[in-house]
Amino acid sequence: MARVARMEKARGKRRDLRRVTPQPEVREKVYLTYPQELIKEPLIYEVGQRFRVRTNIRGANVSDTIGLVALELDGTQEEIDRAIAWLRERGVQVEPIEKNVIE
């Protein structure tokens, strides 16, 4: 009887997994502007570790006083939004890139 109950429970879990609709992946392109005190911080690496997003640096210009990065973020919209909010909380200015600017 216990075996049957375990099998039914396992079947129920599988059914529940099938009902979960995955969110579609999207790509957002943004410009990041780093203030001087954050230039040496590995923030893009941390974004990839903390959130379920893939990062792709499309261009960068870093000096002693400012850092500018053109970045692609791939993932669900929810995770991208969380990653962008985290960057802003750290003091990074995040602005969207208009389509076809760096393609």
C-alpha atoms as a PDB file:
ATOM      1  CA  MET A   1       0.000   0.000   0.000  1.00  0.00           C
ATOM      2  CA  ALA A   2       2.826   2.424   0.859  1.00  0.00           C
ATOM      3  CA  ARG A   3       4.407   1.740  -2.530  1.00  0.00           C
ATOM      4  CA  VAL A   4       1.178   2.634  -4.328  1.00  0.00           C
ATOM      5  CA  ALA A   5       0.906   5.851  -2.318  1.00  0.00           C
ATOM      6  CA  ARG A   6       4.492   6.795  -3.234  1.00  0.00           C
ATOM      7  CA  MET A   7       3.800   6.092  -6.913  1.00  0.00           C
ATOM      8  CA  GLU A   8       0.646   8.218  -6.844  1.00  0.00           C
ATOM      9  CA  LYS A   9       2.510  11.004  -5.103  1.00  0.00           C
ATOM     10  CA  ALA A  10       5.303  10.843  -7.707  1.00  0.00           C
ATOM     11  CA  ARG A  11       2.764  10.924 -10.544  1.00  0.00           C
ATOM     12  CA  GLY A  12       1.132  13.966  -8.993  1.00  0.00           C
ATOM     13  CA  LYS A  13       4.453  15.791  -8.882  1.00  0.00           C
ATOM     14  CA  ARG A  14       5.099  14.992 -12.527  1.00  0.00           C
ATOM     15  CA  ARG A  15       1.698  16.328 -13.494  1.00  0.00           C
ATOM     16  CA  ASP A  16       2.370  19.507 -11.544  1.00  0.00           C
ATOM     17  CA  LEU A  17       5.655  20.000 -13.378  1.00  0.00           C
ATOM     18  CA  ARG A  18       3.890  19.710 -16.720  1.00  0.00           C
ATOM     19  CA  ARG A  19       1.460  22.461 -15.724  1.00  0.00           C
ATOM     20  CA  VAL A  20       4.235  24.974 -15.106  1.00  0.00           C
ATOM     21  CA  THR A  21       4.477  27.176 -18.166  1.00  0.00           C
ATOM     22  CA  PRO A  22       8.015  28.398 -18.714  1.00  0.00           C
ATOM     23  CA  GLN A  23       8.393  32.103 -19.281  1.00  0.00           C
ATOM     24  CA  PRO A  24       9.804  33.007 -22.690  1.00  0.00           C
ATOM     25  CA  GLU A  25      13.347  34.258 -22.876  1.00  0.00           C
ATOM     26  CA  VAL A  26      13.932  37.794 -24.064  1.00  0.00           C
ATOM     27  CA  ARG A  27      16.976  39.908 -24.829  1.00  0.00           C
ATOM     28  CA  GLU A  28      17.492  43.425 -23.555  1.00  0.00           C
ATOM     29  CA  LYS A  29      20.324  45.709 -24.576  1.00  0.00           C
ATOM     30  CA  VAL A  30      21.387  48.360 -22.111  1.00  0.00           C
ATOM     31  CA  TYR A  31      24.108  50.908 -21.517  1.00  0.00           C
ATOM     32  CA  LEU A  32      25.746  50.766 -18.117  1.00  0.00           C
ATOM     33  CA  THR A  33      27.495  53.851 -16.765  1.00  0.00           C
ATOM     34  CA  TYR A  34      29.743  53.099 -13.808  1.00  0.00           C
ATOM     35  CA  PRO A  35      30.779  55.829 -11.392  1.00  0.00           C
ATOM     36  CA  GLN A  36      34.476  56.003 -10.569  1.00  0.00           C
ATOM     37  CA  GLU A  37      34.205  54.085  -7.288  1.00  0.00           C
ATOM     38  CA  LEU A  38      32.633  51.041  -9.025  1.00  0.00           C
ATOM     39  CA  ILE A  39      34.914  50.716 -12.067  1.00  0.00           C
ATOM     40  CA  LYS A  40      37.008  47.913 -10.593  1.00  0.00           C
ATOM     41  CA  GLU A  41      34.051  45.949  -9.191  1.00  0.00           C
ATOM     42  CA  PRO A  42      33.080  42.731 -11.066  1.00  0.00           C
ATOM     43  CA  LEU A  43      29.408  43.684 -11.287  1.00  0.00           C
ATOM     44  CA  ILE A  44      28.672  42.040 -14.658  1.00  0.00           C
ATOM     45  CA  TYR A  45      30.144  38.783 -13.369  1.00  0.00           C
ATOM     46  CA  GLU A  46      28.021  39.078 -10.224  1.00  0.00           C
ATOM     47  CA  VAL A  47      24.864  39.653 -12.287  1.00  0.00           C
ATOM     48  CA  GLY A  48      25.510  36.376 -14.104  1.00  0.00           C
ATOM     49  CA  GLN A  49      26.024  34.565 -10.784  1.00  0.00           C
ATOM     50  CA  ARG A  50      23.119  36.079  -8.830  1.00  0.00           C
ATOM     51  CA  PHE A  51      20.425  36.005 -11.522  1.00  0.00           C
ATOM     52  CA  ARG A  52      19.356  33.556 -14.206  1.00  0.00           C
ATOM     53  CA  VAL A  53      20.590  35.754 -17.046  1.00  0.00           C
ATOM     54  CA  ARG A  54      23.328  35.477 -19.644  1.00  0.00           C
ATOM     55  CA  THR A  55      25.463  38.546 -20.183  1.00  0.00           C
ATOM     56  CA  ASN A  56      27.221  39.569 -23.379  1.00  0.00           C
ATOM     57  CA  ILE A  57      29.431  42.654 -23.421  1.00  0.00           C
ATOM     58  CA  ARG A  58      28.984  44.263 -26.849  1.00  0.00           C
ATOM     59  CA  GLY A  59      31.272  47.206 -26.232  1.00  0.00           C
ATOM     60  CA  ALA A  60      33.063  48.975 -23.431  1.00  0.00           C
ATOM     61  CA  ASN A  61      35.081  52.084 -22.735  1.00  0.00           C
ATOM     62  CA  VAL A  62      36.695  52.381 -19.332  1.00  0.00           C
ATOM     63  CA  SER A  63      38.877  55.182 -18.039  1.00  0.00           C
ATOM     64  CA  ASP A  64      40.133  56.127 -14.590  1.00  0.00           C
ATOM     65  CA  THR A  65      37.016  58.192 -13.945  1.00  0.00           C
ATOM     66  CA  ILE A  66      34.098  56.434 -15.682  1.00  0.00           C
ATOM     67  CA  GLY A  67      33.083  53.124 -17.230  1.00  0.00           C
ATOM     68  CA  LEU A  68      30.646  52.747 -20.132  1.00  0.00           C
ATOM     69  CA  VAL A  69      29.439  49.288 -21.171  1.00  0.00           C
ATOM     70  CA  ALA A  70      26.994  48.167 -23.867  1.00  0.00           C
ATOM     71  CA  LEU A  71      25.516  44.950 -22.462  1.00  0.00           C
ATOM     72  CA  GLU A  72      23.044  42.328 -23.655  1.00  0.00           C
ATOM     73  CA  LEU A  73      21.024  40.466 -21.050  1.00  0.00           C
ATOM     74  CA  ASP A  74      19.249  37.226 -22.035  1.00  0.00           C
ATOM     75  CA  GLY A  75      16.727  35.546 -19.739  1.00  0.00           C
ATOM     76  CA  THR A  76      13.158  35.879 -18.596  1.00  0.00           C
ATOM     77  CA  GLN A  77      11.836  39.415 -18.310  1.00  0.00           C
ATOM     78  CA  GLU A  78      11.448  38.945 -14.565  1.00  0.00           C
ATOM     79  CA  GLU A  79      15.099  37.955 -14.066  1.00  0.00           C
ATOM     80  CA  ILE A  80      16.357  40.740 -16.338  1.00  0.00           C
ATOM     81  CA  ASP A  81      14.308  43.277 -14.384  1.00  0.00           C
ATOM     82  CA  ARG A  82      15.714  41.951 -11.109  1.00  0.00           C
ATOM     83  CA  ALA A  83      19.291  42.140 -12.452  1.00  0.00           C
ATOM     84  CA  ILE A  84      18.799  45.724 -13.657  1.00  0.00           C
ATOM     85  CA  ALA A  85      17.287  46.746 -10.321  1.00  0.00           C
ATOM     86  CA  TRP A  86      20.276  45.210  -8.518  1.00  0.00           C
ATOM     87  CA  LEU A  87      22.725  47.149 -10.704  1.00  0.00           C
ATOM     88  CA  ARG A  88      20.851  50.388 -10.033  1.00  0.00           C
ATOM     89  CA  GLU A  89      20.884  49.701  -6.299  1.00  0.00           C
ATOM     90  CA  ARG A  90      24.681  49.490  -6.520  1.00  0.00           C
ATOM     91  CA  GLY A  91      24.888  52.914  -8.174  1.00  0.00           C
ATOM     92  CA  VAL A  92      25.172  51.926 -11.843  1.00  0.00           C
ATOM     93  CA  GLN A  93      23.154  54.011 -14.281  1.00  0.00           C
ATOM     94  CA  VAL A  94      21.224  51.690 -16.632  1.00  0.00           C
ATOM     95  CA  GLU A  95      19.667  52.959 -19.860  1.00  0.00           C
ATOM     96  CA  PRO A  96      18.007  50.972 -22.653  1.00  0.00           C
ATOM     97  CA  ILE A  97      19.687  50.869 -26.050  1.00  0.00           C
ATOM     98  CA  GLU A  98      17.444  51.600 -28.988  1.00  0.00           C
ATOM     99  CA  LYS A  99      17.022  48.665 -31.339  1.00  0.00           C
ATOM    100  CA  ASN A 100      19.648  48.095 -34.061  1.00  0.00           C
ATOM    101  CA  VAL A 101      22.181  50.484 -32.527  1.00  0.00           C
ATOM    102  CA  ILE A 102      24.873  47.879 -31.871  1.00  0.00           C
ATOM    103  CA  GLU A 103      23.786  44.943 -34.028  1.00  0.00           C
END
